[in-house]
Amino acid sequence: MALHQAESAILKVLAGSLSAEEVAKKANLPVDSVLSFSQSLREKGLIGITVVESRRLALTPEGVRSVKDGLPEQRVLAAAKKGAMVSSLQPEEKTVGLVWALKNGWVKIEAGRLTVAKEPEGTYPLQKVLQGIASGNPPAYTDAPLLEKRHLAHSKTEKSITISKLATQPASAQPQGAAQAGAAINQLTRDMLLSGSWRGKSLREYDVSAPAEIPPPAKRHMVNRLRKKISRIFTDMGFEEMSGPEAQSSFWNFDALFQPQDHPARDLADTFYAKGSMPLPTDKALVEAVKNVHEKSWGGKWLEKNAEKTVLRTHTTSLSARYLHEKCRTGAPKKFFATGKVYRNEATDYKHLAEFYQVEGIVVWEGATFRDLLGCLKEFYSKLGFEKIRFQPSYFPYTEPSLEISVYFDKKGQWLELGGAGIFRPEVSIPLCGRYPVLAWGLSLERPLMLLNDMDDIRTFYKSNVGWIRKQKLK
C-alpha cells in the first residue's frame, strides 16, 4: 500500500487519539493538510476520525461595552440614583436602557426626572451571563435568544476533530523514502490543474462519497436583494432608473428644491458637509431662475457660495432635480426611480441610521393628478407585499400637496409610516424643466424590510455577522 509522505508523517506521530491541531503540530504539517490526508488514511482503514460540532456564544461590540461599563439599563439605574433628567441620558441609554429599566421596575419618571423604584437583588443575571462569556465560561446555547435579540452576543459554530489510529501500519504502507513516496503518489493541487502538470502522474484516489461539510450557499445581502426587487417592480411599471454621485453641491441638494439657504435642515447638526466646493451648473439661466425664485419667495440675498458647498446628499431627491433639468425639459411624459444611499447627521438607534437607503421616484406628465400619485404608490407597495395602505396629509418643503404613506403591519397590529410623497411645487419644477405637475416620492427602504422580516432594530442589517446573514431566507 503506497502512502504519500504526509500520510506517513501523520501515522508516525499518531499515538492514541489526538486532535487535528495536535497532529499538525507534531507532524509539522498545516492543519488543512492533516485534515485532507486524514480522509485518505480513513478510507484505507488505517485511522478513525470523530467530528464533534458545538456552538458557543461570543460577545458583540455592544456586549463588550456592557461588560466594561454596565448594561444600558444599569447605567440608567445609576443615573436615577443621582436624580438625573431623562434628557441627560446618552442615546443608547434612552432607546435601550430606559425601556429595560422601566420593564424591570427599577426606575420611574416623574416630571422628566428619573427616580429609583427598586434596586435589583444580587447580581443582575444578564450581566452575570455576559461576564461568563467574557471570562471564557459561556452559558449553554439555550441562553442565547435574548442576548442575540439585544445584539449583546452572537453564536459561533465550532468543530472538534479527533484522529485515532485503528491498526498497526502495515509494511506495505511504509514509504521507501520521502522522495520516492512523493514521486509515487501525488495529491492533486490547484497549481497542477492550472499548469497541466498532473498529466502522466500517479494521483491519490479520492472517495467522492466521503462525508464532507456542505458549504453554505452564497447569498446577496438582504438589503441588496430588496433593492433588486424594487428595481424590478418599477421597471415593470415602465420607469427608468436614475443614478448619480453621493457627494452633491448644495445647489442640487437644497437650492434647486426650493429649500431656503437659512433653513435649519442645512445646518451642520443635520447635514454632513465636505471640504471644498462644487461648481454651479453651467446653465446660467437655471442658476438665475433658482436665484430669482428664492429671493422673490423667501426674501433676502441668495448667495452663490452657499449653493457651492459640498454635501453628502441628504435625500435622493437631488437626483430627481438633476434629471428634471437634464432629461425632462421637453418631450413625452417620463418616469424615473432610484434606490440610493443618503446621509443624515443624527444619532443612530434602533430605528435611525446616519447612512441609509432611500427609494426615489418622479412622474413628469402635464396630465398627472393627485390620484395618479396615489395609484403609483399603492401599486408599488402591493407588489412589495403590503395589502393595507393608508395615505395621510402631511407637509414637505418642496411638495404641495403632500402626504405620508403608512402600511398596516398585522404582527404588531398597527400602522407604520414608510415615506412621504406629493406634487413638486411650481417653484421647484418650473425653473428645473419648465413643466408642471411632477409627481414625486421619497420612501424608506430598510423600514419595510424590517417589517417583512419581523425585525425590530435597523442596525442589524449592517453588523458584521456572517452567521446572521446565513440564517436569512432567500426570498
Protein backbone atom coordinates (compact mmCIF):
# COMPACT_ATOMS: atom_id res chain seq x y z
CA MET A 1 0.00 0.00 0.00
CA ALA A 2 1.69 3.19 -1.20
CA LEU A 3 1.43 6.17 1.08
CA HIS A 4 2.04 9.83 0.50
CA GLN A 5 4.83 11.24 2.66
CA ALA A 6 2.27 13.40 4.51
CA GLU A 7 0.19 10.28 5.29
CA SER A 8 3.30 8.56 6.65
CA ALA A 9 4.11 11.59 8.78
CA ILE A 10 0.60 11.54 10.28
CA LEU A 11 0.80 7.81 11.10
CA LYS A 12 4.26 8.23 12.61
CA VAL A 13 3.16 10.80 15.20
CA LEU A 14 -0.26 9.33 15.89
CA ALA A 15 -0.49 7.61 19.26
CA GLY A 16 -3.95 7.00 20.67
CA SER A 17 -6.35 9.84 19.89
CA LEU A 18 -5.16 13.33 19.03
CA SER A 19 -6.87 16.46 17.78
CA ALA A 20 -6.15 17.61 14.24
CA GLU A 21 -4.25 20.58 15.66
CA GLU A 22 -2.05 18.32 17.83
CA VAL A 23 -1.26 16.06 14.87
CA ALA A 24 -0.41 19.09 12.73
CA LYS A 25 2.00 20.39 15.38
CA LYS A 26 3.78 17.05 15.89
CA ALA A 27 3.99 16.23 12.17
CA ASN A 28 4.98 19.79 11.24
CA LEU A 29 2.14 19.98 8.71
CA PRO A 30 -0.57 22.57 8.07
CA VAL A 31 -3.90 21.69 9.70
CA ASP A 32 -5.62 21.72 6.27
CA SER A 33 -3.12 19.08 5.03
CA VAL A 34 -3.74 16.94 8.10
CA LEU A 35 -7.50 17.08 7.51
CA SER A 36 -7.11 16.26 3.82
CA PHE A 37 -4.69 13.34 4.19
CA SER A 38 -6.52 12.00 7.22
CA GLN A 39 -9.54 11.43 5.00
CA SER A 40 -7.33 9.33 2.71
CA LEU A 41 -6.00 7.31 5.64
CA ARG A 42 -9.52 6.76 6.92
CA GLU A 43 -10.56 5.41 3.51
CA LYS A 44 -7.62 2.98 3.67
CA GLY A 45 -8.82 1.72 7.04
CA LEU A 46 -5.79 2.93 8.98
CA ILE A 47 -7.34 5.62 11.19
CA GLY A 48 -10.68 6.75 12.53
CA ILE A 49 -11.99 10.31 12.56
CA THR A 50 -14.51 11.70 15.06
CA VAL A 51 -16.15 15.07 14.43
CA VAL A 52 -17.93 16.86 17.29
CA GLU A 53 -19.78 20.07 16.47
CA SER A 54 -20.56 22.60 19.17
CA ARG A 55 -21.92 26.11 19.40
CA ARG A 56 -20.73 28.84 21.72
CA LEU A 57 -21.52 32.46 22.35
CA ALA A 58 -19.19 35.37 21.59
CA LEU A 59 -19.68 38.99 22.64
CA THR A 60 -20.56 41.68 20.12
CA PRO A 61 -19.06 45.19 20.50
CA GLU A 62 -22.21 46.15 22.45
CA GLY A 63 -21.67 43.15 24.71
CA VAL A 64 -18.02 44.06 25.33
CA ARG A 65 -19.06 47.61 26.21
CA SER A 66 -21.76 46.33 28.56
CA VAL A 67 -19.25 44.15 30.42
CA LYS A 68 -16.93 47.12 30.83
CA ASP A 69 -19.39 49.94 31.55
CA GLY A 70 -22.52 48.05 32.60
CA LEU A 71 -25.66 47.33 30.61
CA PRO A 72 -27.65 50.37 29.39
CA GLU A 73 -30.39 49.69 31.98
CA GLN A 74 -27.76 49.52 34.74
CA ARG A 75 -26.40 52.90 33.64
CA VAL A 76 -29.97 54.30 33.70
CA LEU A 77 -30.40 52.99 37.26
CA ALA A 78 -27.14 54.69 38.25
CA ALA A 79 -28.43 57.94 36.70
CA ALA A 80 -31.71 57.57 38.60
CA LYS A 81 -29.80 57.30 41.87
CA LYS A 82 -28.36 60.75 41.10
CA GLY A 83 -31.79 62.16 40.20
CA ALA A 84 -30.74 62.80 36.58
CA MET A 85 -33.13 64.14 33.94
CA VAL A 86 -34.18 61.78 31.14
CA SER A 87 -32.90 64.35 28.64
CA SER A 88 -29.35 63.93 30.04
CA LEU A 89 -29.15 60.23 29.12
CA GLN A 90 -26.95 59.04 26.27
CA PRO A 91 -28.74 57.84 23.07
CA GLU A 92 -28.26 54.14 23.88
CA GLU A 93 -29.49 54.69 27.43
CA LYS A 94 -32.62 56.45 26.16
CA THR A 95 -33.52 53.98 23.42
CA VAL A 96 -32.49 50.70 25.08
CA GLY A 97 -31.61 51.19 28.73
CA LEU A 98 -34.68 53.19 29.73
CA VAL A 99 -37.01 50.61 28.18
CA TRP A 100 -35.43 47.75 30.14
CA ALA A 101 -35.06 49.73 33.36
CA LEU A 102 -38.78 50.52 33.27
CA LYS A 103 -39.64 46.95 32.29
CA ASN A 104 -37.58 45.62 35.21
CA GLY A 105 -39.37 48.05 37.53
CA TRP A 106 -36.10 49.68 38.60
CA VAL A 107 -36.93 53.31 37.82
CA LYS A 108 -39.82 55.75 37.47
CA ILE A 109 -40.08 59.02 35.60
CA GLU A 110 -41.53 62.00 37.43
CA ALA A 111 -41.70 65.37 35.66
CA GLY A 112 -38.93 64.29 33.30
CA ARG A 113 -36.64 63.23 36.16
CA LEU A 114 -35.52 59.67 36.95
CA THR A 115 -36.18 58.22 40.37
CA VAL A 116 -35.38 54.77 41.78
CA ALA A 117 -38.40 52.48 42.16
CA LYS A 118 -36.50 49.43 43.40
CA GLU A 119 -32.99 48.07 43.13
CA PRO A 120 -32.22 44.58 41.77
CA GLU A 121 -31.32 41.94 44.34
CA GLY A 122 -27.87 40.43 43.92
CA THR A 123 -26.04 40.31 40.59
CA TYR A 124 -28.10 41.19 37.54
CA PRO A 125 -28.47 37.81 35.73
CA LEU A 126 -27.84 39.25 32.27
CA GLN A 127 -24.64 40.93 33.47
CA LYS A 128 -23.53 37.62 35.01
CA VAL A 129 -24.05 35.84 31.69
CA LEU A 130 -22.04 38.47 29.79
CA GLN A 131 -19.21 38.24 32.32
CA GLY A 132 -19.23 34.46 31.91
CA ILE A 133 -18.84 34.78 28.15
CA ALA A 134 -16.04 37.34 28.56
CA SER A 135 -14.14 35.10 31.02
CA GLY A 136 -14.35 32.03 28.78
CA ASN A 137 -17.21 30.32 30.66
CA PRO A 138 -20.15 30.95 28.35
CA PRO A 139 -23.61 29.70 29.31
CA ALA A 140 -25.43 26.96 27.44
CA TYR A 141 -26.52 27.88 23.94
CA THR A 142 -30.13 27.79 25.11
CA ASP A 143 -29.44 31.11 26.86
CA ALA A 144 -28.66 32.80 23.55
CA PRO A 145 -32.02 34.18 22.23
CA LEU A 146 -32.26 37.26 24.47
CA LEU A 147 -28.55 38.02 24.03
CA GLU A 148 -28.84 37.80 20.25
CA LYS A 149 -32.06 39.83 20.18
CA ARG A 150 -30.34 42.61 22.11
CA HIS A 151 -27.18 42.25 19.96
CA LEU A 152 -25.04 41.59 23.02
CA ALA A 153 -23.72 38.23 21.78
CA HIS A 154 -23.86 36.05 18.70
CA SER A 155 -23.43 32.31 18.22
CA LYS A 156 -20.39 30.64 16.73
CA THR A 157 -20.30 27.07 15.43
CA GLU A 158 -17.08 25.19 16.18
CA LYS A 159 -15.89 21.74 15.16
CA SER A 160 -13.59 19.48 17.15
CA ILE A 161 -11.88 16.79 15.02
CA THR A 162 -10.18 13.83 16.73
CA ILE A 163 -7.95 11.38 14.83
CA SER A 164 -7.39 7.85 16.19
CA LYS A 165 -5.06 5.09 14.98
CA LEU A 166 -7.09 1.95 14.23
CA ALA A 167 -4.44 -0.55 13.21
CA THR A 168 -0.70 -1.04 13.09
CA GLN A 169 0.68 0.42 9.93
CA PRO A 170 1.32 -2.48 7.50
CA ALA A 171 4.76 -2.92 6.00
CA SER A 172 3.34 -2.30 2.55
CA ALA A 173 2.26 1.13 3.72
CA GLN A 174 5.82 2.19 4.64
CA PRO A 175 7.32 4.63 2.12
CA GLN A 176 10.70 3.82 0.57
CA GLY A 177 11.90 7.30 1.45
CA ALA A 178 10.22 10.68 1.27
CA ALA A 179 11.32 11.43 -2.26
CA GLN A 180 10.13 8.05 -3.53
CA ALA A 181 6.80 8.29 -1.71
CA GLY A 182 6.26 11.78 -3.01
CA ALA A 183 7.06 10.63 -6.53
CA ALA A 184 4.84 7.53 -6.32
CA ILE A 185 1.58 9.25 -5.37
CA ASN A 186 0.76 12.91 -5.73
CA GLN A 187 -2.01 14.97 -4.21
CA LEU A 188 -3.86 16.91 -6.90
CA THR A 189 -3.43 20.64 -6.34
CA ARG A 190 -4.77 23.82 -7.91
CA ASP A 191 -1.37 24.64 -9.41
CA MET A 192 -1.20 21.21 -11.05
CA LEU A 193 -4.64 21.75 -12.61
CA LEU A 194 -3.69 25.19 -13.91
CA SER A 195 -0.31 24.15 -15.30
CA GLY A 196 -1.37 20.74 -16.64
CA SER A 197 1.49 19.04 -14.76
CA TRP A 198 -0.95 16.42 -13.42
CA ARG A 199 -0.83 14.62 -16.77
CA GLY A 200 1.08 11.33 -16.57
CA LYS A 201 1.38 11.37 -12.78
CA SER A 202 0.03 8.86 -10.31
CA LEU A 203 -2.55 10.68 -8.26
CA ARG A 204 -4.08 9.81 -4.92
CA GLU A 205 -7.59 8.45 -5.29
CA TYR A 206 -10.48 10.41 -3.81
CA ASP A 207 -13.65 8.98 -2.36
CA VAL A 208 -16.31 11.34 -3.69
CA SER A 209 -18.91 9.71 -1.46
CA ALA A 210 -16.99 10.54 1.75
CA PRO A 211 -18.95 12.78 4.15
CA ALA A 212 -17.91 16.42 4.00
CA GLU A 213 -19.15 19.72 5.33
CA ILE A 214 -21.68 21.31 2.99
CA PRO A 215 -20.62 24.91 2.46
CA PRO A 216 -23.37 27.48 2.92
CA PRO A 217 -24.70 28.89 -0.36
CA ALA A 218 -23.55 32.33 -1.38
CA LYS A 219 -26.22 34.95 -0.74
CA ARG A 220 -26.75 38.52 -1.66
CA HIS A 221 -27.25 40.72 1.37
CA MET A 222 -30.97 41.14 2.05
CA VAL A 223 -30.74 44.93 1.52
CA ASN A 224 -29.33 44.35 -1.98
CA ARG A 225 -31.97 41.71 -2.67
CA LEU A 226 -34.72 44.21 -1.82
CA ARG A 227 -33.05 46.89 -3.97
CA LYS A 228 -33.10 44.45 -6.87
CA LYS A 229 -36.77 43.61 -6.23
CA ILE A 230 -37.71 47.31 -6.08
CA SER A 231 -35.83 47.91 -9.32
CA ARG A 232 -37.77 45.09 -10.96
CA ILE A 233 -41.12 46.42 -9.69
CA PHE A 234 -40.55 49.93 -11.01
CA THR A 235 -39.07 48.67 -14.29
CA ASP A 236 -42.19 46.53 -14.81
CA MET A 237 -44.25 49.70 -14.19
CA GLY A 238 -42.39 51.45 -17.04
CA PHE A 239 -39.90 53.51 -15.01
CA GLU A 240 -36.28 54.25 -15.90
CA GLU A 241 -33.56 54.16 -13.25
CA MET A 242 -31.66 57.28 -12.11
CA SER A 243 -28.09 57.31 -10.81
CA GLY A 244 -25.65 59.94 -9.62
CA PRO A 245 -22.86 60.75 -7.13
CA GLU A 246 -23.48 60.70 -3.39
CA ALA A 247 -21.49 63.92 -2.96
CA GLN A 248 -23.57 66.82 -4.30
CA SER A 249 -23.44 70.57 -4.31
CA SER A 250 -25.86 72.36 -2.01
CA PHE A 251 -27.39 73.79 -5.18
CA TRP A 252 -28.80 70.39 -6.26
CA ASN A 253 -29.40 69.08 -2.74
CA PHE A 254 -31.16 72.19 -1.36
CA ASP A 255 -31.45 75.28 -3.57
CA ALA A 256 -32.96 73.59 -6.62
CA LEU A 257 -35.57 72.08 -4.29
CA PHE A 258 -36.77 75.47 -3.00
CA GLN A 259 -35.14 75.00 0.39
CA PRO A 260 -34.06 78.43 1.69
CA GLN A 261 -30.41 78.99 2.45
CA ASP A 262 -31.18 79.67 6.13
CA HIS A 263 -33.34 76.53 6.55
CA PRO A 264 -32.46 74.63 9.79
CA ALA A 265 -32.05 71.34 7.88
CA ARG A 266 -28.99 72.81 6.15
CA ASP A 267 -27.14 73.25 9.45
CA LEU A 268 -24.15 71.13 10.45
CA ALA A 269 -26.41 69.48 13.02
CA ASP A 270 -28.40 67.81 10.23
CA THR A 271 -26.05 67.66 7.25
CA PHE A 272 -22.61 66.19 6.54
CA TYR A 273 -20.56 68.87 4.77
CA ALA A 274 -17.33 68.00 2.95
CA LYS A 275 -14.27 70.17 2.41
CA GLY A 276 -14.10 72.23 -0.75
CA SER A 277 -16.82 73.45 -3.05
CA MET A 278 -18.55 72.23 -6.20
CA PRO A 279 -19.22 74.44 -9.23
CA LEU A 280 -22.73 75.61 -10.02
CA PRO A 281 -24.41 74.27 -13.19
CA THR A 282 -23.04 75.70 -16.43
CA ASP A 283 -26.62 76.61 -17.41
CA LYS A 284 -26.64 80.23 -16.20
CA ALA A 285 -30.35 80.56 -16.97
CA LEU A 286 -31.12 77.74 -14.50
CA VAL A 287 -28.98 79.33 -11.77
CA GLU A 288 -30.61 82.70 -12.34
CA ALA A 289 -34.12 81.16 -12.28
CA VAL A 290 -33.43 79.38 -8.96
CA LYS A 291 -31.93 82.57 -7.53
CA ASN A 292 -34.96 84.63 -8.54
CA VAL A 293 -37.40 82.14 -7.04
CA HIS A 294 -35.51 82.18 -3.72
CA GLU A 295 -35.20 85.96 -3.49
CA LYS A 296 -38.78 86.54 -4.58
CA SER A 297 -40.38 83.90 -2.34
CA TRP A 298 -38.06 83.79 0.67
CA GLY A 299 -36.65 87.31 0.60
CA GLY A 300 -33.08 88.29 1.37
CA LYS A 301 -29.95 87.70 -0.69
CA TRP A 302 -29.28 84.36 -2.39
CA LEU A 303 -25.52 83.62 -2.17
CA GLU A 304 -23.62 81.52 -4.69
CA LYS A 305 -21.02 80.49 -2.07
CA ASN A 306 -23.75 78.78 -0.04
CA ALA A 307 -25.03 76.93 -3.10
CA GLU A 308 -21.48 75.73 -3.95
CA LYS A 309 -20.92 73.95 -0.63
CA THR A 310 -20.28 70.20 -0.94
CA VAL A 311 -22.57 67.89 1.00
CA LEU A 312 -23.24 64.18 1.25
CA ARG A 313 -26.73 64.09 -0.20
CA THR A 314 -29.43 64.14 2.45
CA HIS A 315 -32.02 62.68 0.08
CA THR A 316 -32.13 61.09 -3.36
CA THR A 317 -34.42 63.96 -4.42
CA SER A 318 -31.20 65.67 -5.53
CA LEU A 319 -31.15 63.06 -8.32
CA SER A 320 -34.69 64.00 -9.30
CA ALA A 321 -33.71 67.66 -9.54
CA ARG A 322 -30.82 66.90 -11.91
CA TYR A 323 -32.86 64.52 -14.06
CA LEU A 324 -35.70 67.02 -14.34
CA HIS A 325 -33.27 69.58 -15.74
CA GLU A 326 -31.19 67.24 -17.91
CA LYS A 327 -33.79 64.75 -19.21
CA CYS A 328 -37.26 66.26 -18.90
CA ARG A 329 -37.27 69.79 -20.34
CA THR A 330 -39.04 68.64 -23.48
CA GLY A 331 -40.65 65.57 -24.94
CA ALA A 332 -43.11 62.91 -23.88
CA PRO A 333 -44.09 62.10 -20.29
CA LYS A 334 -41.32 60.36 -18.36
CA LYS A 335 -40.99 58.26 -15.23
CA PHE A 336 -37.82 57.73 -13.18
CA PHE A 337 -36.88 55.92 -9.97
CA ALA A 338 -33.75 55.38 -7.87
CA THR A 339 -32.58 53.44 -4.81
CA GLY A 340 -29.53 55.08 -3.31
CA LYS A 341 -27.70 55.92 -0.11
CA VAL A 342 -28.37 59.16 1.73
CA TYR A 343 -26.71 60.65 4.80
CA ARG A 344 -28.10 62.49 7.83
CA ASN A 345 -26.03 63.84 10.70
CA GLU A 346 -28.04 62.25 13.50
CA ALA A 347 -27.55 59.75 16.32
CA THR A 348 -28.15 56.10 15.48
CA ASP A 349 -30.63 53.96 17.38
CA TYR A 350 -32.96 51.02 16.72
CA LYS A 351 -34.88 52.93 14.01
CA HIS A 352 -32.43 55.61 12.82
CA LEU A 353 -29.14 55.47 10.92
CA ALA A 354 -26.74 58.18 9.78
CA GLU A 355 -26.34 56.33 6.48
CA PHE A 356 -29.29 54.57 4.89
CA TYR A 357 -31.14 53.93 1.63
CA GLN A 358 -34.00 55.88 0.09
CA VAL A 359 -36.37 54.95 -2.73
CA GLU A 360 -36.97 57.90 -5.04
CA GLY A 361 -39.47 58.36 -7.85
CA ILE A 362 -40.86 61.06 -10.16
CA VAL A 363 -43.52 61.15 -12.88
CA VAL A 364 -43.27 64.05 -15.35
CA TRP A 365 -46.60 64.47 -17.13
CA GLU A 366 -48.74 67.56 -17.58
CA GLY A 367 -51.87 65.38 -17.34
CA ALA A 368 -50.93 63.83 -13.99
CA THR A 369 -53.22 64.21 -10.99
CA PHE A 370 -53.02 63.54 -7.28
CA ARG A 371 -54.99 60.33 -7.85
CA ASP A 372 -52.25 59.11 -10.22
CA LEU A 373 -49.72 59.63 -7.43
CA LEU A 374 -51.81 57.54 -5.02
CA GLY A 375 -52.24 54.87 -7.67
CA CYS A 376 -48.48 54.56 -8.32
CA LEU A 377 -47.71 54.25 -4.62
CA LYS A 378 -50.50 51.77 -3.96
CA GLU A 379 -49.36 49.59 -6.87
CA PHE A 380 -45.74 49.67 -5.68
CA TYR A 381 -46.50 48.67 -2.08
CA SER A 382 -48.95 45.99 -3.22
CA LYS A 383 -46.24 44.41 -5.37
CA LEU A 384 -43.85 44.69 -2.41
CA GLY A 385 -46.23 42.57 -0.30
CA PHE A 386 -48.32 45.06 1.70
CA GLU A 387 -52.08 44.81 1.33
CA LYS A 388 -53.35 47.59 3.63
CA ILE A 389 -52.03 51.00 2.61
CA ARG A 390 -53.03 54.37 4.06
CA PHE A 391 -52.38 57.95 2.90
CA GLN A 392 -52.45 60.93 5.28
CA PRO A 393 -51.96 64.66 4.65
CA SER A 394 -48.51 65.96 5.57
CA TYR A 395 -46.06 68.79 4.87
CA PHE A 396 -42.74 68.79 2.99
CA PRO A 397 -40.90 71.94 1.89
CA TYR A 398 -40.80 71.14 -1.83
CA THR A 399 -44.14 69.40 -2.47
CA GLU A 400 -47.69 70.70 -2.24
CA PRO A 401 -50.00 68.90 -1.65
CA SER A 402 -48.00 66.39 0.40
CA LEU A 403 -48.80 63.08 2.04
CA GLU A 404 -47.35 60.32 4.21
CA ILE A 405 -47.66 56.64 3.30
CA SER A 406 -48.33 54.06 6.01
CA VAL A 407 -48.86 50.31 5.80
CA TYR A 408 -50.68 48.09 8.29
CA PHE A 409 -48.44 45.52 9.94
CA ASP A 410 -50.59 42.63 11.18
CA LYS A 411 -47.99 41.19 13.58
CA LYS A 412 -47.80 44.44 15.53
CA GLY A 413 -51.42 45.42 14.91
CA GLN A 414 -50.55 49.00 13.94
CA TRP A 415 -49.95 51.39 11.07
CA LEU A 416 -46.30 52.22 10.34
CA GLU A 417 -45.16 55.23 8.30
CA LEU A 418 -42.79 54.35 5.44
CA GLY A 419 -42.31 57.52 3.39
CA GLY A 420 -43.50 60.81 2.01
CA ALA A 421 -44.79 61.99 -1.36
CA GLY A 422 -46.51 64.84 -3.14
CA ILE A 423 -46.51 67.07 -6.21
CA PHE A 424 -43.44 69.25 -6.69
CA ARG A 425 -44.25 72.90 -6.12
CA PRO A 426 -44.10 75.06 -9.25
CA GLU A 427 -41.14 76.86 -7.62
CA VAL A 428 -39.25 73.53 -7.97
CA SER A 429 -40.29 72.06 -11.31
CA ILE A 430 -40.74 75.24 -13.41
CA PRO A 431 -37.13 76.52 -13.00
CA LEU A 432 -35.74 72.99 -13.49
CA CYS A 433 -37.70 71.77 -16.50
CA GLY A 434 -40.47 74.25 -17.29
CA ARG A 435 -43.14 71.62 -16.65
CA TYR A 436 -45.88 71.08 -14.08
CA PRO A 437 -47.12 68.94 -12.39
CA VAL A 438 -44.38 66.50 -11.41
CA LEU A 439 -45.35 63.68 -9.05
CA ALA A 440 -42.61 62.77 -6.55
CA TRP A 441 -41.90 60.47 -3.60
CA GLY A 442 -39.10 59.51 -1.22
CA LEU A 443 -39.59 56.22 0.60
CA SER A 444 -37.71 54.21 3.20
CA LEU A 445 -36.01 51.00 2.11
CA GLU A 446 -34.84 49.50 5.41
CA ARG A 447 -38.13 50.00 7.29
CA PRO A 448 -40.31 47.84 5.02
CA LEU A 449 -37.51 45.26 5.02
CA MET A 450 -37.68 45.21 8.84
CA LEU A 451 -41.42 44.62 8.69
CA LEU A 452 -41.16 41.88 6.07
CA ASN A 453 -38.55 40.06 8.18
CA ASP A 454 -40.06 40.73 11.65
CA MET A 455 -37.04 42.71 12.86
CA ASP A 456 -37.01 45.45 15.48
CA ASP A 457 -33.56 47.06 15.07
CA ILE A 458 -32.46 48.74 11.85
CA ARG A 459 -28.78 48.45 12.84
CA THR A 460 -28.93 44.67 12.44
CA PHE A 461 -28.61 44.98 8.65
CA TYR A 462 -25.14 46.48 8.89
CA LYS A 463 -23.49 44.38 11.60
CA SER A 464 -20.57 42.16 10.56
CA ASN A 465 -22.35 38.94 11.48
CA VAL A 466 -21.96 36.27 8.79
CA GLY A 467 -23.92 33.76 10.87
CA TRP A 468 -26.94 36.07 10.89
CA ILE A 469 -26.74 36.53 7.10
CA ARG A 470 -26.55 32.77 6.55
CA LYS A 471 -29.74 32.23 8.58
CA GLN A 472 -31.78 34.64 6.46
CA LYS A 473 -34.19 33.07 4.00
CA LEU A 474 -33.77 33.68 0.30
CA LYS A 475 -36.97 35.50 -0.71
